[in-house]
Amino acid sequence: MKGTYTIVVECRSKSSCRFGKLGRARLGEGQYVYTGSALGRGNASLERRLERHARPSKRRWWHIDYLTSRPGCYVTGAVYLISGKRLECKISRAITESLNLSPVLPRIGASDCNCDGHLIGPELHLSSLQLLSQLRKIYRRVDSGRLIVVAPRLD
């Protein structure tokens, strides 16, 4: 499958995180939202990208890997749209505006575009289910293609 996805990453404690060459960012407790695209096959497919992000143990290759491999930070849900179109920038901007959030650090997840950053947060006021519901609505406004919501983990 090919498409655009947004994962929700819950961080359960305050910390500082180095994001490769982009530098360090202070992270508060709360939910962070990362939007990306997976338009290839094999390891670059949508399903493989989502599986990778959910694994806490991995080689740090993408900016988001620095967050998803940190102790106390967990992928708790995802929304994705099956489509061959590159929609990550449009969706990330819509999420930033709708939820009134800012990028954690300039350029995270946006090294191949002109966006401020595709990792935003933290969202502190919504539960995981409420946040996934908001993301679903945002995706529907951007593109009414085949949308799938992956329920949060229950742990």
C-alpha atoms as a PDB file:
ATOM      1  CA  MET A   1       0.000   0.000   0.000  1.00  0.00           C
ATOM      2  CA  LYS A   2       0.987   3.599  -0.591  1.00  0.00           C
ATOM      3  CA  GLY A   3      -0.251   6.607   1.308  1.00  0.00           C
ATOM      4  CA  THR A   4       0.061   9.328   3.913  1.00  0.00           C
ATOM      5  CA  TYR A   5      -0.051   8.643   7.621  1.00  0.00           C
ATOM      6  CA  THR A   6      -0.089  10.394  10.964  1.00  0.00           C
ATOM      7  CA  ILE A   7       1.074   8.642  14.100  1.00  0.00           C
ATOM      8  CA  VAL A   8       0.357   9.692  17.669  1.00  0.00           C
ATOM      9  CA  VAL A   9       3.312   9.328  20.025  1.00  0.00           C
ATOM     10  CA  GLU A  10       2.651   9.630  23.737  1.00  0.00           C
ATOM     11  CA  CYS A  11       5.569  10.758  25.891  1.00  0.00           C
ATOM     12  CA  ARG A  12       5.012   9.994  29.545  1.00  0.00           C
ATOM     13  CA  SER A  13       7.823  12.094  31.011  1.00  0.00           C
ATOM     14  CA  LYS A  14       9.730  15.285  30.331  1.00  0.00           C
ATOM     15  CA  SER A  15      13.058  14.912  28.607  1.00  0.00           C
ATOM     16  CA  SER A  16      15.422  16.333  26.056  1.00  0.00           C
ATOM     17  CA  CYS A  17      15.842  14.621  22.707  1.00  0.00           C
ATOM     18  CA  ARG A  18      18.520  14.974  20.064  1.00  0.00           C
ATOM     19  CA  PHE A  19      17.103  14.774  16.529  1.00  0.00           C
ATOM     20  CA  GLY A  20      20.233  13.970  14.559  1.00  0.00           C
ATOM     21  CA  LYS A  21      21.836  16.975  12.889  1.00  0.00           C
ATOM     22  CA  LEU A  22      18.763  19.134  13.570  1.00  0.00           C
ATOM     23  CA  GLY A  23      19.689  19.536  17.219  1.00  0.00           C
ATOM     24  CA  ARG A  24      17.996  19.063  20.575  1.00  0.00           C
ATOM     25  CA  ALA A  25      14.456  19.781  21.647  1.00  0.00           C
ATOM     26  CA  ARG A  26      12.868  19.797  25.059  1.00  0.00           C
ATOM     27  CA  LEU A  27       9.943  17.440  25.211  1.00  0.00           C
ATOM     28  CA  GLY A  28       7.132  17.790  27.687  1.00  0.00           C
ATOM     29  CA  GLU A  29       4.643  15.137  28.667  1.00  0.00           C
ATOM     30  CA  GLY A  30       1.807  14.725  26.188  1.00  0.00           C
ATOM     31  CA  GLN A  31       0.946  13.484  22.749  1.00  0.00           C
ATOM     32  CA  TYR A  32       3.006  14.339  19.702  1.00  0.00           C
ATOM     33  CA  VAL A  33       1.748  14.011  16.148  1.00  0.00           C
ATOM     34  CA  TYR A  34       3.985  13.085  13.222  1.00  0.00           C
ATOM     35  CA  THR A  35       2.855  13.060   9.587  1.00  0.00           C
ATOM     36  CA  GLY A  36       4.738  11.296   6.831  1.00  0.00           C
ATOM     37  CA  SER A  37       4.267   9.577   3.517  1.00  0.00           C
ATOM     38  CA  ALA A  38       5.094   6.101   2.297  1.00  0.00           C
ATOM     39  CA  LEU A  39       4.846   5.941  -1.471  1.00  0.00           C
ATOM     40  CA  GLY A  40       7.166   3.047  -2.231  1.00  0.00           C
ATOM     41  CA  ARG A  41       7.169  -0.721  -2.048  1.00  0.00           C
ATOM     42  CA  GLY A  42       8.749  -3.151   0.392  1.00  0.00           C
ATOM     43  CA  ASN A  43      10.319  -1.269   3.311  1.00  0.00           C
ATOM     44  CA  ALA A  44       9.017   2.012   1.859  1.00  0.00           C
ATOM     45  CA  SER A  45       5.394   0.802   1.863  1.00  0.00           C
ATOM     46  CA  LEU A  46       2.759   2.244   4.157  1.00  0.00           C
ATOM     47  CA  GLU A  47       2.316  -0.890   6.237  1.00  0.00           C
ATOM     48  CA  ARG A  48       6.071  -1.377   6.733  1.00  0.00           C
ATOM     49  CA  ARG A  49       6.564   2.284   7.669  1.00  0.00           C
ATOM     50  CA  LEU A  50       3.828   2.079  10.322  1.00  0.00           C
ATOM     51  CA  GLU A  51       5.271  -1.173  11.689  1.00  0.00           C
ATOM     52  CA  ARG A  52       8.714   0.435  11.917  1.00  0.00           C
ATOM     53  CA  HIS A  53       7.457   3.490  13.780  1.00  0.00           C
ATOM     54  CA  ALA A  54       5.679   1.280  16.339  1.00  0.00           C
ATOM     55  CA  ARG A  55       8.855  -0.728  17.089  1.00  0.00           C
ATOM     56  CA  PRO A  56      10.797   0.865  19.957  1.00  0.00           C
ATOM     57  CA  SER A  57      14.066  -0.831  18.990  1.00  0.00           C
ATOM     58  CA  LYS A  58      15.461   0.202  15.605  1.00  0.00           C
ATOM     59  CA  ARG A  59      18.347   1.941  13.863  1.00  0.00           C
ATOM     60  CA  ARG A  60      17.730   5.686  13.886  1.00  0.00           C
ATOM     61  CA  TRP A  61      17.276   6.555  10.236  1.00  0.00           C
ATOM     62  CA  TRP A  62      14.336   9.013  10.091  1.00  0.00           C
ATOM     63  CA  HIS A  63      13.941  12.055  12.348  1.00  0.00           C
ATOM     64  CA  ILE A  64      10.918  10.459  14.034  1.00  0.00           C
ATOM     65  CA  ASP A  65      13.038   7.434  15.023  1.00  0.00           C
ATOM     66  CA  TYR A  66      14.752   9.582  17.651  1.00  0.00           C
ATOM     67  CA  LEU A  67      11.403  10.044  19.400  1.00  0.00           C
ATOM     68  CA  THR A  68       9.803   6.636  18.864  1.00  0.00           C
ATOM     69  CA  SER A  69      12.884   4.813  20.200  1.00  0.00           C
ATOM     70  CA  ARG A  70      13.050   6.865  23.421  1.00  0.00           C
ATOM     71  CA  PRO A  71      12.108   5.208  26.704  1.00  0.00           C
ATOM     72  CA  GLY A  72       8.727   6.503  27.866  1.00  0.00           C
ATOM     73  CA  CYS A  73       7.551   7.427  24.331  1.00  0.00           C
ATOM     74  CA  TYR A  74       5.078   5.096  22.629  1.00  0.00           C
ATOM     75  CA  VAL A  75       3.132   5.075  19.362  1.00  0.00           C
ATOM     76  CA  THR A  76      -0.461   4.921  20.597  1.00  0.00           C
ATOM     77  CA  GLY A  77      -2.403   5.207  17.354  1.00  0.00           C
ATOM     78  CA  ALA A  78      -2.371   6.143  13.700  1.00  0.00           C
ATOM     79  CA  VAL A  79      -4.551   7.492  10.932  1.00  0.00           C
ATOM     80  CA  TYR A  80      -3.655   6.842   7.324  1.00  0.00           C
ATOM     81  CA  LEU A  81      -4.990   7.465   3.863  1.00  0.00           C
ATOM     82  CA  ILE A  82      -4.350   5.022   1.058  1.00  0.00           C
ATOM     83  CA  SER A  83      -3.366   7.132  -1.927  1.00  0.00           C
ATOM     84  CA  GLY A  84      -0.547   7.534  -4.422  1.00  0.00           C
ATOM     85  CA  LYS A  85      -0.668  11.316  -3.916  1.00  0.00           C
ATOM     86  CA  ARG A  86       1.928  13.099  -1.767  1.00  0.00           C
ATOM     87  CA  LEU A  87      -0.314  14.719   0.865  1.00  0.00           C
ATOM     88  CA  GLU A  88       1.910  14.858   3.943  1.00  0.00           C
ATOM     89  CA  CYS A  89       2.594  18.602   3.773  1.00  0.00           C
ATOM     90  CA  LYS A  90      -1.052  19.515   3.232  1.00  0.00           C
ATOM     91  CA  ILE A  91      -2.206  17.239   6.057  1.00  0.00           C
ATOM     92  CA  SER A  92       0.543  18.348   8.447  1.00  0.00           C
ATOM     93  CA  ARG A  93      -0.377  22.020   7.889  1.00  0.00           C
ATOM     94  CA  ALA A  94      -4.069  21.231   8.420  1.00  0.00           C
ATOM     95  CA  ILE A  95      -3.294  19.425  11.691  1.00  0.00           C
ATOM     96  CA  THR A  96      -1.043  22.258  12.903  1.00  0.00           C
ATOM     97  CA  GLU A  97      -3.761  24.830  12.202  1.00  0.00           C
ATOM     98  CA  SER A  98      -6.710  22.779  13.466  1.00  0.00           C
ATOM     99  CA  LEU A  99      -5.075  21.732  16.733  1.00  0.00           C
ATOM    100  CA  ASN A 100      -3.191  25.016  17.200  1.00  0.00           C
ATOM    101  CA  LEU A 101       0.126  23.213  17.711  1.00  0.00           C
ATOM    102  CA  SER A 102       3.667  24.046  16.622  1.00  0.00           C
ATOM    103  CA  PRO A 103       6.576  22.014  15.277  1.00  0.00           C
ATOM    104  CA  VAL A 104       8.798  20.595  18.015  1.00  0.00           C
ATOM    105  CA  LEU A 105      11.897  21.718  16.145  1.00  0.00           C
ATOM    106  CA  PRO A 106      12.165  23.306  12.697  1.00  0.00           C
ATOM    107  CA  ARG A 107      12.481  20.859   9.790  1.00  0.00           C
ATOM    108  CA  ILE A 108      11.805  17.604  11.700  1.00  0.00           C
ATOM    109  CA  GLY A 109      10.387  15.221   9.121  1.00  0.00           C
ATOM    110  CA  ALA A 110      10.462  17.992   6.543  1.00  0.00           C
ATOM    111  CA  SER A 111      13.951  17.841   5.078  1.00  0.00           C
ATOM    112  CA  ASP A 112      12.573  17.191   1.579  1.00  0.00           C
ATOM    113  CA  CYS A 113       9.968  19.983   1.547  1.00  0.00           C
ATOM    114  CA  ASN A 114       9.497  23.609   2.618  1.00  0.00           C
ATOM    115  CA  CYS A 115       7.348  22.941   5.691  1.00  0.00           C
ATOM    116  CA  ASP A 116       8.231  24.156   9.182  1.00  0.00           C
ATOM    117  CA  GLY A 117       8.186  20.575  10.461  1.00  0.00           C
ATOM    118  CA  HIS A 118       6.003  17.473  10.485  1.00  0.00           C
ATOM    119  CA  LEU A 119       6.407  16.621  14.187  1.00  0.00           C
ATOM    120  CA  ILE A 120       4.089  18.802  16.227  1.00  0.00           C
ATOM    121  CA  GLY A 121       2.936  18.934  19.813  1.00  0.00           C
ATOM    122  CA  PRO A 122       2.511  18.284  22.555  1.00  0.00           C
ATOM    123  CA  GLU A 123      -1.270  17.981  22.701  1.00  0.00           C
ATOM    124  CA  LEU A 124      -2.236  17.921  26.356  1.00  0.00           C
ATOM    125  CA  HIS A 125      -6.006  18.368  26.356  1.00  0.00           C
ATOM    126  CA  LEU A 126      -7.352  15.481  24.281  1.00  0.00           C
ATOM    127  CA  SER A 127      -7.425  11.777  25.082  1.00  0.00           C
ATOM    128  CA  SER A 128      -5.928   9.402  22.514  1.00  0.00           C
ATOM    129  CA  LEU A 129      -9.401   8.570  21.212  1.00  0.00           C
ATOM    130  CA  GLN A 130     -10.367  12.241  20.949  1.00  0.00           C
ATOM    131  CA  LEU A 131      -7.122  13.059  19.167  1.00  0.00           C
ATOM    132  CA  LEU A 132      -7.600  10.214  16.682  1.00  0.00           C
ATOM    133  CA  SER A 133     -11.151  11.428  16.066  1.00  0.00           C
ATOM    134  CA  GLN A 134      -9.864  14.962  15.347  1.00  0.00           C
ATOM    135  CA  LEU A 135      -7.175  13.596  13.022  1.00  0.00           C
ATOM    136  CA  ARG A 136      -9.797  11.544  11.169  1.00  0.00           C
ATOM    137  CA  LYS A 137     -11.894  14.704  10.604  1.00  0.00           C
ATOM    138  CA  ILE A 138      -8.851  16.613   9.348  1.00  0.00           C
ATOM    139  CA  TYR A 139      -7.959  13.817   6.919  1.00  0.00           C
ATOM    140  CA  ARG A 140     -11.550  13.737   5.617  1.00  0.00           C
ATOM    141  CA  ARG A 141     -11.402  17.508   4.934  1.00  0.00           C
ATOM    142  CA  VAL A 142      -8.120  17.180   3.039  1.00  0.00           C
ATOM    143  CA  ASP A 143      -8.996  14.082   0.975  1.00  0.00           C
ATOM    144  CA  SER A 144     -11.980  11.768   1.068  1.00  0.00           C
ATOM    145  CA  GLY A 145     -10.050   8.730  -0.185  1.00  0.00           C
ATOM    146  CA  ARG A 146      -9.812   5.441   1.679  1.00  0.00           C
ATOM    147  CA  LEU A 147      -9.136   6.465   5.283  1.00  0.00           C
ATOM    148  CA  ILE A 148      -8.213   4.023   8.019  1.00  0.00           C
ATOM    149  CA  VAL A 149      -7.910   4.710  11.737  1.00  0.00           C
ATOM    150  CA  VAL A 150      -5.767   2.375  13.822  1.00  0.00           C
ATOM    151  CA  ALA A 151      -7.077   2.232  17.375  1.00  0.00           C
ATOM    152  CA  PRO A 152      -4.719   3.148  20.201  1.00  0.00           C
ATOM    153  CA  ARG A 153      -2.875   0.499  22.135  1.00  0.00           C
ATOM    154  CA  LEU A 154      -4.418  -0.393  25.443  1.00  0.00           C
ATOM    155  CA  ASP A 155      -1.569  -0.741  27.932  1.00  0.00           C
END
